[in-house]
Amino acid sequence: MHDTIQIIPSDKIDQAKWNACIEQSASRRIYAKTFYLDLLADQWLGFVKHDYDCVMPVTWRKKDSIRYSYHVPFIKKLGFFAYK
């Protein structure tokens, strides 16, 4: 079976599964939880592998029809989070 990575907008993410993955990962950070990202980021989306086995938040903005990733103040570090 091939594992696929889905790109899911923040409003379509299963928050319970996302936050459970963050909590169970070796490098869990509050910055990657959905409520924290919703509060501080202008926009964000998630890369989700399989059934939330591995997740990665990406914060983004749009300027002149170009989307770009940016560093959000008060979010120290983001990256991949996995529990399997």
N, C-alpha and C. Protein backbone atom coordinates (compact mmCIF):
# COMPACT_ATOMS: atom_id res chain seq x y z
N MET A 1 0.84 -1.18 0.00
CA MET A 1 0.00 0.00 0.00
C MET A 1 0.89 1.25 0.00
N HIS A 2 0.57 2.17 -0.86
CA HIS A 2 1.34 3.39 -0.95
C HIS A 2 0.79 4.43 0.02
N ASP A 3 1.69 5.02 0.77
CA ASP A 3 1.28 6.11 1.65
C ASP A 3 1.24 7.40 0.84
N THR A 4 0.19 8.14 1.03
CA THR A 4 0.07 9.41 0.33
C THR A 4 0.05 10.54 1.34
N ILE A 5 0.46 11.68 0.87
CA ILE A 5 0.41 12.87 1.71
C ILE A 5 -0.66 13.78 1.12
N GLN A 6 -1.60 14.16 1.95
CA GLN A 6 -2.67 15.05 1.53
C GLN A 6 -2.37 16.46 2.04
N ILE A 7 -2.77 17.45 1.27
CA ILE A 7 -2.69 18.84 1.69
C ILE A 7 -4.11 19.26 2.03
N ILE A 8 -4.34 19.56 3.31
CA ILE A 8 -5.69 19.83 3.80
C ILE A 8 -5.75 21.24 4.38
N PRO A 9 -6.72 22.05 3.95
CA PRO A 9 -6.90 23.39 4.55
C PRO A 9 -7.26 23.26 6.03
N SER A 10 -6.91 24.25 6.81
CA SER A 10 -7.10 24.19 8.26
C SER A 10 -8.54 23.96 8.66
N ASP A 11 -9.50 24.47 7.90
CA ASP A 11 -10.91 24.29 8.29
C ASP A 11 -11.45 22.90 7.97
N LYS A 12 -10.70 22.09 7.23
CA LYS A 12 -11.13 20.72 6.89
C LYS A 12 -10.38 19.65 7.70
N ILE A 13 -9.42 20.07 8.51
CA ILE A 13 -8.61 19.12 9.28
C ILE A 13 -9.43 18.54 10.44
N ASP A 14 -9.26 17.24 10.67
CA ASP A 14 -9.87 16.59 11.82
C ASP A 14 -9.03 17.00 13.05
N GLN A 15 -9.54 17.94 13.81
CA GLN A 15 -8.77 18.53 14.91
C GLN A 15 -8.40 17.51 15.98
N ALA A 16 -9.28 16.59 16.28
CA ALA A 16 -8.98 15.58 17.31
C ALA A 16 -7.82 14.69 16.89
N LYS A 17 -7.83 14.23 15.64
CA LYS A 17 -6.74 13.38 15.15
C LYS A 17 -5.44 14.16 15.03
N TRP A 18 -5.53 15.39 14.55
CA TRP A 18 -4.33 16.24 14.41
C TRP A 18 -3.68 16.45 15.78
N ASN A 19 -4.46 16.90 16.75
CA ASN A 19 -3.91 17.19 18.08
C ASN A 19 -3.42 15.92 18.77
N ALA A 20 -4.06 14.78 18.52
CA ALA A 20 -3.59 13.51 19.09
C ALA A 20 -2.22 13.15 18.52
N CYS A 21 -2.02 13.39 17.24
CA CYS A 21 -0.71 13.12 16.63
C CYS A 21 0.36 14.01 17.25
N ILE A 22 0.05 15.28 17.46
CA ILE A 22 1.00 16.20 18.09
C ILE A 22 1.33 15.74 19.51
N GLU A 23 0.32 15.38 20.27
CA GLU A 23 0.51 14.95 21.66
C GLU A 23 1.36 13.69 21.77
N GLN A 24 1.21 12.77 20.82
CA GLN A 24 1.91 11.49 20.88
C GLN A 24 3.27 11.50 20.20
N SER A 25 3.62 12.60 19.56
CA SER A 25 4.91 12.65 18.88
C SER A 25 6.04 12.88 19.88
N ALA A 26 7.23 12.51 19.48
CA ALA A 26 8.40 12.67 20.35
C ALA A 26 8.74 14.14 20.56
N SER A 27 8.45 14.97 19.56
CA SER A 27 8.78 16.39 19.66
C SER A 27 7.52 17.25 19.73
N ARG A 28 6.63 16.89 20.61
CA ARG A 28 5.35 17.62 20.67
C ARG A 28 5.58 19.08 21.08
N ARG A 29 4.85 19.94 20.42
CA ARG A 29 4.93 21.38 20.69
C ARG A 29 3.53 21.96 20.67
N ILE A 30 3.27 22.86 21.59
CA ILE A 30 1.96 23.52 21.64
C ILE A 30 1.74 24.36 20.39
N TYR A 31 2.84 24.82 19.78
CA TYR A 31 2.74 25.67 18.60
C TYR A 31 2.04 24.98 17.44
N ALA A 32 2.08 23.67 17.39
CA ALA A 32 1.52 22.92 16.26
C ALA A 32 0.08 22.49 16.48
N LYS A 33 -0.47 22.77 17.63
CA LYS A 33 -1.87 22.39 17.88
C LYS A 33 -2.81 23.33 17.13
N THR A 34 -3.96 22.81 16.77
CA THR A 34 -4.88 23.55 15.92
C THR A 34 -5.33 24.87 16.54
N PHE A 35 -5.64 24.88 17.83
CA PHE A 35 -6.14 26.11 18.44
C PHE A 35 -5.08 27.21 18.43
N TYR A 36 -3.82 26.84 18.60
CA TYR A 36 -2.72 27.80 18.61
C TYR A 36 -2.49 28.37 17.22
N LEU A 37 -2.50 27.51 16.22
CA LEU A 37 -2.33 27.96 14.84
C LEU A 37 -3.50 28.83 14.40
N ASP A 38 -4.72 28.43 14.77
CA ASP A 38 -5.91 29.23 14.42
C ASP A 38 -5.83 30.63 15.03
N LEU A 39 -5.29 30.70 16.22
CA LEU A 39 -5.21 31.97 16.95
C LEU A 39 -4.16 32.91 16.37
N LEU A 40 -3.00 32.39 16.00
CA LEU A 40 -1.88 33.26 15.64
C LEU A 40 -1.57 33.38 14.14
N ALA A 41 -1.88 32.36 13.37
CA ALA A 41 -1.52 32.39 11.95
C ALA A 41 -2.62 33.03 11.12
N ASP A 42 -2.22 33.80 10.10
CA ASP A 42 -3.21 34.37 9.18
C ASP A 42 -3.96 33.25 8.47
N GLN A 43 -3.23 32.34 7.88
CA GLN A 43 -3.77 31.16 7.21
C GLN A 43 -2.80 30.01 7.48
N TRP A 44 -3.32 28.79 7.49
CA TRP A 44 -2.44 27.65 7.58
C TRP A 44 -3.12 26.44 6.96
N LEU A 45 -2.29 25.49 6.56
CA LEU A 45 -2.79 24.24 6.03
C LEU A 45 -1.93 23.13 6.60
N GLY A 46 -2.37 21.91 6.38
CA GLY A 46 -1.63 20.79 6.95
C GLY A 46 -1.28 19.74 5.91
N PHE A 47 -0.06 19.25 5.98
CA PHE A 47 0.33 18.07 5.23
C PHE A 47 0.02 16.90 6.14
N VAL A 48 -0.76 15.95 5.67
CA VAL A 48 -1.20 14.83 6.49
C VAL A 48 -0.86 13.52 5.78
N LYS A 49 -0.12 12.67 6.45
CA LYS A 49 0.24 11.37 5.89
C LYS A 49 -0.70 10.31 6.44
N HIS A 50 -1.22 9.50 5.53
CA HIS A 50 -2.11 8.38 5.83
C HIS A 50 -3.27 8.87 6.68
N ASP A 51 -3.48 8.33 7.85
CA ASP A 51 -4.60 8.72 8.72
C ASP A 51 -4.07 9.49 9.92
N TYR A 52 -3.44 10.63 9.65
CA TYR A 52 -2.86 11.50 10.68
C TYR A 52 -1.74 10.81 11.46
N ASP A 53 -1.00 9.91 10.76
CA ASP A 53 0.18 9.28 11.37
C ASP A 53 1.34 10.27 11.45
N CYS A 54 1.38 11.18 10.49
CA CYS A 54 2.42 12.21 10.44
C CYS A 54 1.76 13.48 9.91
N VAL A 55 2.02 14.59 10.57
CA VAL A 55 1.42 15.86 10.16
C VAL A 55 2.48 16.96 10.14
N MET A 56 2.22 17.98 9.32
CA MET A 56 3.10 19.14 9.27
C MET A 56 2.27 20.38 8.96
N PRO A 57 2.24 21.34 9.87
CA PRO A 57 1.52 22.59 9.59
C PRO A 57 2.39 23.54 8.76
N VAL A 58 1.75 24.26 7.87
CA VAL A 58 2.42 25.26 7.06
C VAL A 58 1.60 26.54 7.12
N THR A 59 2.21 27.60 7.62
CA THR A 59 1.53 28.90 7.70
C THR A 59 1.79 29.64 6.39
N TRP A 60 0.79 30.36 5.92
CA TRP A 60 0.94 31.05 4.65
C TRP A 60 0.15 32.34 4.59
N ARG A 61 0.58 33.17 3.66
CA ARG A 61 -0.10 34.42 3.32
C ARG A 61 -0.19 34.51 1.81
N LYS A 62 -0.95 35.50 1.35
CA LYS A 62 -1.10 35.71 -0.09
C LYS A 62 -0.89 37.19 -0.40
N LYS A 63 -0.04 37.44 -1.39
CA LYS A 63 0.22 38.82 -1.82
C LYS A 63 0.31 38.83 -3.34
N ASP A 64 -0.49 39.67 -3.96
CA ASP A 64 -0.51 39.76 -5.43
C ASP A 64 -0.71 38.38 -6.06
N SER A 65 -1.64 37.62 -5.55
CA SER A 65 -2.01 36.28 -6.02
C SER A 65 -0.90 35.24 -5.89
N ILE A 66 0.12 35.53 -5.09
CA ILE A 66 1.20 34.57 -4.83
C ILE A 66 1.13 34.14 -3.37
N ARG A 67 1.03 32.84 -3.16
CA ARG A 67 1.05 32.31 -1.79
C ARG A 67 2.50 32.08 -1.36
N TYR A 68 2.77 32.41 -0.10
CA TYR A 68 4.12 32.18 0.43
C TYR A 68 4.04 31.81 1.90
N SER A 69 5.00 31.01 2.33
CA SER A 69 5.10 30.62 3.72
C SER A 69 5.80 31.73 4.49
N TYR A 70 5.41 31.89 5.76
CA TYR A 70 6.03 32.94 6.57
C TYR A 70 6.18 32.47 8.01
N HIS A 71 7.07 33.15 8.72
CA HIS A 71 7.28 32.86 10.13
C HIS A 71 6.27 33.64 10.95
N VAL A 72 5.53 32.93 11.81
CA VAL A 72 4.51 33.55 12.65
C VAL A 72 5.15 33.96 13.97
N PRO A 73 4.99 35.22 14.39
CA PRO A 73 5.50 35.62 15.70
C PRO A 73 4.89 34.75 16.81
N PHE A 74 5.68 34.43 17.80
CA PHE A 74 5.29 33.62 18.95
C PHE A 74 5.14 32.14 18.63
N ILE A 75 5.45 31.73 17.43
CA ILE A 75 5.54 30.30 17.10
C ILE A 75 7.01 30.02 16.85
N LYS A 76 7.60 29.32 17.80
CA LYS A 76 9.04 29.14 17.78
C LYS A 76 9.51 28.16 16.71
N LYS A 77 8.82 27.02 16.60
CA LYS A 77 9.32 25.98 15.72
C LYS A 77 8.18 25.09 15.24
N LEU A 78 8.15 24.85 13.94
CA LEU A 78 7.20 23.92 13.35
C LEU A 78 7.99 22.90 12.53
N GLY A 79 7.35 21.83 12.14
CA GLY A 79 8.00 20.80 11.34
C GLY A 79 7.09 19.59 11.27
N PHE A 80 7.68 18.43 10.94
CA PHE A 80 6.90 17.20 10.92
C PHE A 80 6.73 16.66 12.32
N PHE A 81 5.56 16.14 12.58
CA PHE A 81 5.24 15.50 13.86
C PHE A 81 4.64 14.14 13.55
N ALA A 82 5.22 13.09 14.15
CA ALA A 82 4.75 11.73 13.87
C ALA A 82 4.77 10.92 15.16
N TYR A 83 3.85 9.96 15.23
CA TYR A 83 3.83 9.10 16.42
C TYR A 83 4.03 7.65 16.07
N LYS A 84 4.14 7.31 14.80
CA LYS A 84 4.39 5.90 14.43
C LYS A 84 5.73 5.77 13.79
